[in-house]
Amino acid sequence: MTADVSEQFVVGLVQMRCDEQTDTNLTRAAELIQQAVQQGAHVVCLPELFRTPYFCKEEDTRWFDLAEPIPGPTTDFLTRLARQERVVLVASVFERRLAGVYHNSAIVVDADGRLCGLYRKMHIPDDPLYYEKFYFTPGDTGYRVFATRYARVAVLICWDQWFPEAARIAALNGAELVCYPSAIGWHPREKAVHGADQYQAWQVVQRGHAVANGVYVAAVNRVGYEGPAPGLEFWGGSFVADPFGRLLAQAAHDREEVLTVACSRRLLEETRRHWPFLRDRRIDSYHPLLKRVLDDADV
C-alpha cells in the first residue's frame, strides 16, 4: 500500500508493565492501543517483547517455549486489531524461526491489517541481567523501512539504539519515524548512584539520532519491577523527539502511560534544509567504519 500522505501523522507510544501471563499482556496492550487510537494515533508502538516478562534476566532453556513463528498467534491478533482500528502497529515478538534459531524481532502491520514485514534485532547485548546472546540469534534483515499508510517507519530494537550507524541507514532509506521498542531499566542496587545518569544517557543518545538524521524518534519502554531479586526496575520514561532533538513528550518512570504526538512532515523538510547533514556526508571517507578497530596501517 502506498503511503496516505498528509502534512502530519500522529505517533502513539504504549508504555506498559509486563508479567508472566502472556494473554493478559496481550489484552492489556490491545486496550492501550485502543486508547492511543482514541487520542488520534495513526502509528502505535509497543515495548520490546511486550507479550512476555523480560526473561533474559537469566539463562534458562525453559523460556524458549515462549517463542512463536511469524506469522503466528501474536501477529494474527495484531493484524486483526490493526484492521479493526485502522492503525499501523509496531510490535516486538520473540520469534521462533526454526528449532534452535530464535530472534528478537519486530513486526510492522499496516492499517488494513497487512503484515508489511519484520525486522530482526541486529545488536544483541550480554550484560548482567540482560543475557540476550543466550536467546537471540543476531538479525539478518538489515535495517528496513516500511512504507505504511501514514508514514515511512523504521524499527530498531533496544540495544540498537546506542549505535548511530543503524539510525543513519534508516534515514538514508527514507525513514520519517524511527521507533525503538525497548526493555531497559535499573539494577536496583545501582539506581541511587547511577540511575539519573543512565536514563539521561539513554535519552540523549536517541535525541542525537533525531538531530543527526533529521527524523522523529519514538523510544517506547516498559515499566515496573520484574523479579526475582535482584531483578530489574524498568524505568519507563518513553519519549518522542523531533528532528531538532526537542523533547515533545515524555512518560513517567513509574506507571503505565499512553503518549500521542503529532509529527510534522513540514518540520522534517525544513530541518533538513537548514541542517543538511545528509547532503554534506563525505561518503568517500567513511571506509574505516567497516573495520572492527583501526590499526596504524589503516589510518
Protein backbone atom coordinates (compact mmCIF):
# COMPACT_ATOMS: atom_id res chain seq x y z
CA MET A 1 0.00 0.00 0.00
CA THR A 2 1.31 3.47 -0.81
CA ALA A 3 1.53 5.99 1.98
CA ASP A 4 -1.51 8.17 2.67
CA VAL A 5 0.39 11.45 2.52
CA SER A 6 -0.74 14.40 4.61
CA GLU A 7 1.05 17.20 6.41
CA GLN A 8 1.29 15.25 9.63
CA PHE A 9 0.91 11.87 11.26
CA VAL A 10 0.35 11.05 14.92
CA VAL A 11 2.53 8.52 16.70
CA GLY A 12 1.29 6.69 19.79
CA LEU A 13 3.55 5.15 22.44
CA VAL A 14 2.26 2.40 24.72
CA GLN A 15 4.30 2.26 27.92
CA MET A 16 3.13 -0.80 29.85
CA ARG A 17 4.07 -3.30 32.52
CA CYS A 18 4.53 -6.93 31.50
CA ASP A 19 4.14 -10.06 33.60
CA GLU A 20 4.19 -13.84 33.18
CA GLN A 21 0.59 -14.05 31.98
CA THR A 22 1.14 -13.68 28.25
CA ASP A 23 -2.54 -13.45 27.33
CA THR A 24 -3.05 -10.79 29.98
CA ASN A 25 -0.22 -8.78 28.48
CA LEU A 26 -1.78 -9.09 25.03
CA THR A 27 -5.17 -7.95 26.29
CA ARG A 28 -3.62 -5.03 28.17
CA ALA A 29 -1.69 -4.00 25.07
CA ALA A 30 -4.86 -4.07 22.98
CA GLU A 31 -6.68 -1.83 25.45
CA LEU A 32 -3.82 0.66 25.48
CA ILE A 33 -3.59 0.62 21.67
CA GLN A 34 -7.29 1.44 21.50
CA GLN A 35 -6.72 4.28 23.95
CA ALA A 36 -3.96 5.64 21.70
CA VAL A 37 -6.28 5.44 18.68
CA GLN A 38 -8.96 7.33 20.61
CA GLN A 39 -6.32 10.01 21.19
CA GLY A 40 -5.75 10.26 17.45
CA ALA A 41 -2.78 7.94 16.87
CA HIS A 42 -2.04 6.72 13.35
CA VAL A 43 1.06 4.67 14.23
CA VAL A 44 1.29 2.89 17.61
CA CYS A 45 4.42 1.27 19.01
CA LEU A 46 4.62 -1.27 21.85
CA PRO A 47 7.62 -2.02 24.11
CA GLU A 48 10.19 -4.72 23.42
CA LEU A 49 8.92 -8.29 23.98
CA PHE A 50 5.66 -6.84 25.30
CA ARG A 51 3.82 -10.17 25.49
CA THR A 52 6.21 -11.78 27.98
CA PRO A 53 8.18 -10.98 31.08
CA TYR A 54 11.73 -9.91 30.36
CA PHE A 55 13.08 -13.44 30.65
CA CYS A 56 16.65 -12.52 29.66
CA LYS A 57 17.48 -11.79 33.31
CA GLU A 58 18.60 -15.43 33.50
CA GLU A 59 19.83 -18.18 31.19
CA ASP A 60 17.22 -20.94 31.22
CA THR A 61 16.10 -23.03 28.25
CA ARG A 62 12.52 -23.17 29.52
CA TRP A 63 11.97 -19.63 28.25
CA PHE A 64 12.40 -20.77 24.65
CA ASP A 65 8.88 -22.20 24.96
CA LEU A 66 7.59 -18.61 24.75
CA ALA A 67 8.87 -18.16 21.20
CA GLU A 68 6.44 -18.29 18.28
CA PRO A 69 6.60 -18.15 14.49
CA ILE A 70 5.89 -15.07 12.41
CA PRO A 71 3.13 -15.12 11.27
CA GLY A 72 1.82 -16.69 14.46
CA PRO A 73 -0.62 -16.06 17.33
CA THR A 74 0.61 -12.58 18.25
CA THR A 75 0.86 -11.49 14.62
CA ASP A 76 -2.64 -12.79 13.89
CA PHE A 77 -4.09 -10.94 16.88
CA LEU A 78 -2.41 -7.67 15.94
CA THR A 79 -3.32 -7.81 12.25
CA ARG A 80 -6.99 -8.16 13.23
CA LEU A 81 -6.66 -5.29 15.68
CA ALA A 82 -4.88 -3.04 13.16
CA ARG A 83 -7.61 -3.68 10.58
CA GLN A 84 -10.34 -3.04 13.14
CA GLU A 85 -8.80 0.22 14.43
CA ARG A 86 -7.32 1.32 11.08
CA VAL A 87 -3.96 1.90 12.76
CA VAL A 88 -0.37 0.97 11.98
CA LEU A 89 1.14 -1.23 14.69
CA VAL A 90 4.79 -1.79 15.60
CA ALA A 91 5.29 -4.75 17.94
CA SER A 92 8.22 -6.79 19.22
CA VAL A 93 7.87 -10.58 19.12
CA PHE A 94 10.07 -13.43 20.41
CA GLU A 95 10.40 -15.20 17.07
CA ARG A 96 10.94 -18.94 16.62
CA ARG A 97 12.44 -19.17 13.16
CA LEU A 98 13.18 -22.87 13.44
CA ALA A 99 14.39 -25.28 16.11
CA GLY A 100 17.38 -23.69 17.82
CA VAL A 101 17.17 -20.40 15.91
CA TYR A 102 15.31 -17.62 17.71
CA HIS A 103 15.22 -13.88 17.14
CA ASN A 104 14.19 -10.74 18.95
CA SER A 105 12.04 -9.37 16.14
CA ALA A 106 9.60 -6.58 15.42
CA ILE A 107 6.66 -6.66 13.04
CA VAL A 108 5.02 -3.74 11.29
CA VAL A 109 1.33 -4.13 10.49
CA ASP A 110 -0.33 -1.65 8.16
CA ALA A 111 -3.69 -0.03 8.86
CA ASP A 112 -5.51 -2.53 6.64
CA GLY A 113 -4.14 -5.49 8.62
CA ARG A 114 -1.46 -6.33 6.10
CA LEU A 115 1.83 -7.56 7.56
CA CYS A 116 4.37 -5.21 5.99
CA GLY A 117 7.29 -7.30 7.19
CA LEU A 118 9.65 -7.77 10.09
CA TYR A 119 12.96 -6.54 11.45
CA ARG A 120 15.28 -8.76 13.46
CA LYS A 121 17.35 -7.09 16.18
CA MET A 122 20.91 -6.66 14.94
CA HIS A 123 22.84 -5.73 18.08
CA ILE A 124 22.49 -8.30 20.87
CA PRO A 125 23.72 -7.39 24.39
CA ASP A 126 25.22 -9.64 27.02
CA ASP A 127 25.32 -7.89 30.38
CA PRO A 128 24.29 -8.80 33.93
CA LEU A 129 20.51 -9.40 33.83
CA TYR A 130 20.49 -8.80 30.06
CA TYR A 131 21.68 -12.20 28.84
CA GLU A 132 20.25 -11.82 25.36
CA LYS A 133 23.02 -13.63 23.50
CA PHE A 134 21.81 -16.84 25.14
CA TYR A 135 18.39 -16.43 23.50
CA PHE A 136 18.68 -14.45 20.30
CA THR A 137 20.45 -15.04 17.00
CA PRO A 138 21.65 -11.70 15.57
CA GLY A 139 19.35 -10.30 12.93
CA ASP A 140 19.85 -10.75 9.20
CA THR A 141 17.17 -8.47 7.75
CA GLY A 142 19.31 -5.38 7.52
CA TYR A 143 17.89 -2.01 8.53
CA ARG A 144 14.46 -1.82 7.00
CA VAL A 145 11.99 0.99 6.41
CA PHE A 146 8.30 0.20 5.96
CA ALA A 147 6.05 2.36 3.78
CA THR A 148 2.79 2.30 5.73
CA ARG A 149 -0.46 4.15 5.09
CA TYR A 150 0.52 7.03 7.35
CA ALA A 151 4.33 7.21 7.49
CA ARG A 152 7.61 5.64 6.47
CA VAL A 153 8.60 3.80 9.63
CA ALA A 154 11.92 2.22 10.62
CA VAL A 155 12.15 -0.10 13.60
CA LEU A 156 15.28 -0.65 15.69
CA ILE A 157 15.15 -2.58 18.95
CA CYS A 158 16.56 -1.53 22.34
CA TRP A 159 20.34 -2.17 22.23
CA ASP A 160 20.27 -0.97 18.60
CA GLN A 161 19.55 2.48 19.98
CA TRP A 162 23.15 3.01 21.06
CA PHE A 163 24.53 2.62 17.52
CA PRO A 164 24.38 5.71 15.28
CA GLU A 165 25.08 3.68 12.15
CA ALA A 166 21.68 1.95 12.39
CA ALA A 167 19.74 5.21 12.67
CA ARG A 168 21.72 6.74 9.81
CA ILE A 169 20.95 3.84 7.48
CA ALA A 170 17.26 4.12 8.38
CA ALA A 171 17.30 7.81 7.47
CA LEU A 172 19.13 7.16 4.21
CA ASN A 173 16.42 4.64 3.37
CA GLY A 174 13.74 7.30 3.73
CA ALA A 175 12.50 6.88 7.32
CA GLU A 176 10.37 9.67 8.72
CA LEU A 177 9.98 7.98 12.09
CA VAL A 178 12.39 5.65 13.88
CA CYS A 179 10.73 3.53 16.57
CA TYR A 180 12.81 1.94 19.32
CA PRO A 181 10.80 -0.71 21.24
CA SER A 182 12.80 -1.13 24.45
CA ALA A 183 13.09 -3.06 27.69
CA ILE A 184 15.65 -1.20 29.74
CA GLY A 185 15.86 -0.44 33.43
CA TRP A 186 17.88 -0.02 36.57
CA HIS A 187 19.67 -2.64 38.58
CA PRO A 188 18.09 -1.70 41.94
CA ARG A 189 21.45 -1.54 43.70
CA GLU A 190 22.73 0.98 41.13
CA LYS A 191 19.74 3.28 40.90
CA ALA A 192 20.56 5.65 43.75
CA VAL A 193 24.04 6.46 42.46
CA HIS A 194 23.80 5.99 38.70
CA GLY A 195 20.10 5.91 37.86
CA ALA A 196 19.59 9.50 36.74
CA ASP A 197 22.74 9.50 34.60
CA GLN A 198 21.85 6.16 32.99
CA TYR A 199 18.42 7.36 31.96
CA GLN A 200 19.79 10.68 30.74
CA ALA A 201 22.42 8.94 28.57
CA TRP A 202 19.73 6.68 27.10
CA GLN A 203 17.55 9.62 26.16
CA VAL A 204 20.34 11.90 24.94
CA VAL A 205 21.85 9.38 22.52
CA GLN A 206 18.49 8.82 20.86
CA ARG A 207 17.71 12.51 20.67
CA GLY A 208 21.10 12.80 18.99
CA HIS A 209 19.97 10.32 16.34
CA ALA A 210 16.96 12.53 15.68
CA VAL A 211 19.19 15.57 15.19
CA ALA A 212 21.90 13.89 13.13
CA ASN A 213 19.40 12.33 10.75
CA GLY A 214 16.51 14.78 10.65
CA VAL A 215 13.91 12.24 11.78
CA TYR A 216 11.37 11.78 14.53
CA VAL A 217 12.44 9.28 17.18
CA ALA A 218 9.99 7.36 19.39
CA ALA A 219 11.50 5.33 22.25
CA VAL A 220 8.95 3.01 23.88
CA ASN A 221 9.92 1.32 27.14
CA ARG A 222 8.19 -1.00 29.56
CA VAL A 223 7.69 -0.07 33.21
CA GLY A 224 7.59 -1.82 36.58
CA TYR A 225 9.78 -4.13 38.66
CA GLU A 226 10.38 -7.66 37.40
CA GLY A 227 11.98 -10.13 39.82
CA PRO A 228 13.08 -12.30 41.44
CA ALA A 229 15.75 -10.35 43.28
CA PRO A 230 17.90 -8.63 42.27
CA GLY A 231 15.55 -8.13 39.32
CA LEU A 232 15.18 -5.06 37.16
CA GLU A 233 13.17 -1.88 37.64
CA PHE A 234 12.23 -0.85 34.12
CA TRP A 235 12.49 2.90 34.02
CA GLY A 236 9.69 3.79 31.62
CA GLY A 237 10.37 7.34 30.52
CA SER A 238 9.19 6.67 26.96
CA PHE A 239 9.51 9.76 24.77
CA VAL A 240 9.25 11.35 21.34
CA ALA A 241 11.89 13.73 19.95
CA ASP A 242 11.54 15.82 16.83
CA PRO A 243 14.17 16.30 14.08
CA PHE A 244 15.64 19.22 16.04
CA GLY A 245 16.10 16.94 19.04
CA ARG A 246 13.41 18.67 21.07
CA LEU A 247 11.55 16.54 23.57
CA LEU A 248 7.88 16.61 22.53
CA ALA A 249 6.52 14.24 25.17
CA GLN A 250 7.88 12.05 27.95
CA ALA A 251 6.14 9.43 30.08
CA ALA A 252 6.58 8.90 33.80
CA HIS A 253 9.09 6.44 35.22
CA ASP A 254 6.70 4.57 37.49
CA ARG A 255 3.38 3.90 35.73
CA GLU A 256 1.72 2.78 32.54
CA GLU A 257 1.01 5.60 30.14
CA VAL A 258 -0.09 6.30 26.58
CA LEU A 259 1.54 9.19 24.73
CA THR A 260 0.35 10.61 21.42
CA VAL A 261 2.38 13.16 19.46
CA ALA A 262 1.73 14.87 16.13
CA CYS A 263 4.69 14.71 13.75
CA SER A 264 5.01 17.37 11.04
CA ARG A 265 6.37 16.50 7.61
CA ARG A 266 6.95 20.18 7.00
CA LEU A 267 9.26 20.28 10.01
CA LEU A 268 11.17 17.29 8.61
CA GLU A 269 11.70 19.19 5.36
CA GLU A 270 12.64 22.48 6.99
CA THR A 271 15.07 20.92 9.44
CA ARG A 272 16.95 19.08 6.72
CA ARG A 273 17.09 22.23 4.59
CA HIS A 274 18.76 24.19 7.39
CA TRP A 275 20.87 21.30 8.70
CA PRO A 276 21.78 19.40 5.50
CA PHE A 277 23.81 16.70 7.18
CA LEU A 278 22.77 14.08 4.65
CA ARG A 279 23.82 16.32 1.76
CA ASP A 280 27.26 17.03 3.23
CA ARG A 281 28.25 13.47 4.10
CA ARG A 282 31.72 12.54 2.80
CA ILE A 283 30.90 9.00 1.78
CA ASP A 284 34.33 8.65 0.16
CA SER A 285 36.00 8.94 3.58
CA TYR A 286 34.00 6.53 5.75
CA HIS A 287 35.59 3.23 4.75
CA PRO A 288 37.31 2.87 8.18
CA LEU A 289 33.85 2.25 9.65
CA LEU A 290 33.91 -1.19 8.04
CA LYS A 291 36.79 -2.20 10.34
CA ARG A 292 36.26 -3.59 13.85
CA VAL A 293 39.15 -1.42 15.11
CA LEU A 294 41.78 0.63 13.31
CA ASP A 295 45.45 -0.31 13.35
CA ASP A 296 48.14 2.20 12.44
CA ALA A 297 48.28 0.84 8.91
CA ASP A 298 44.56 1.51 8.42
CA VAL A 299 44.65 5.21 9.23
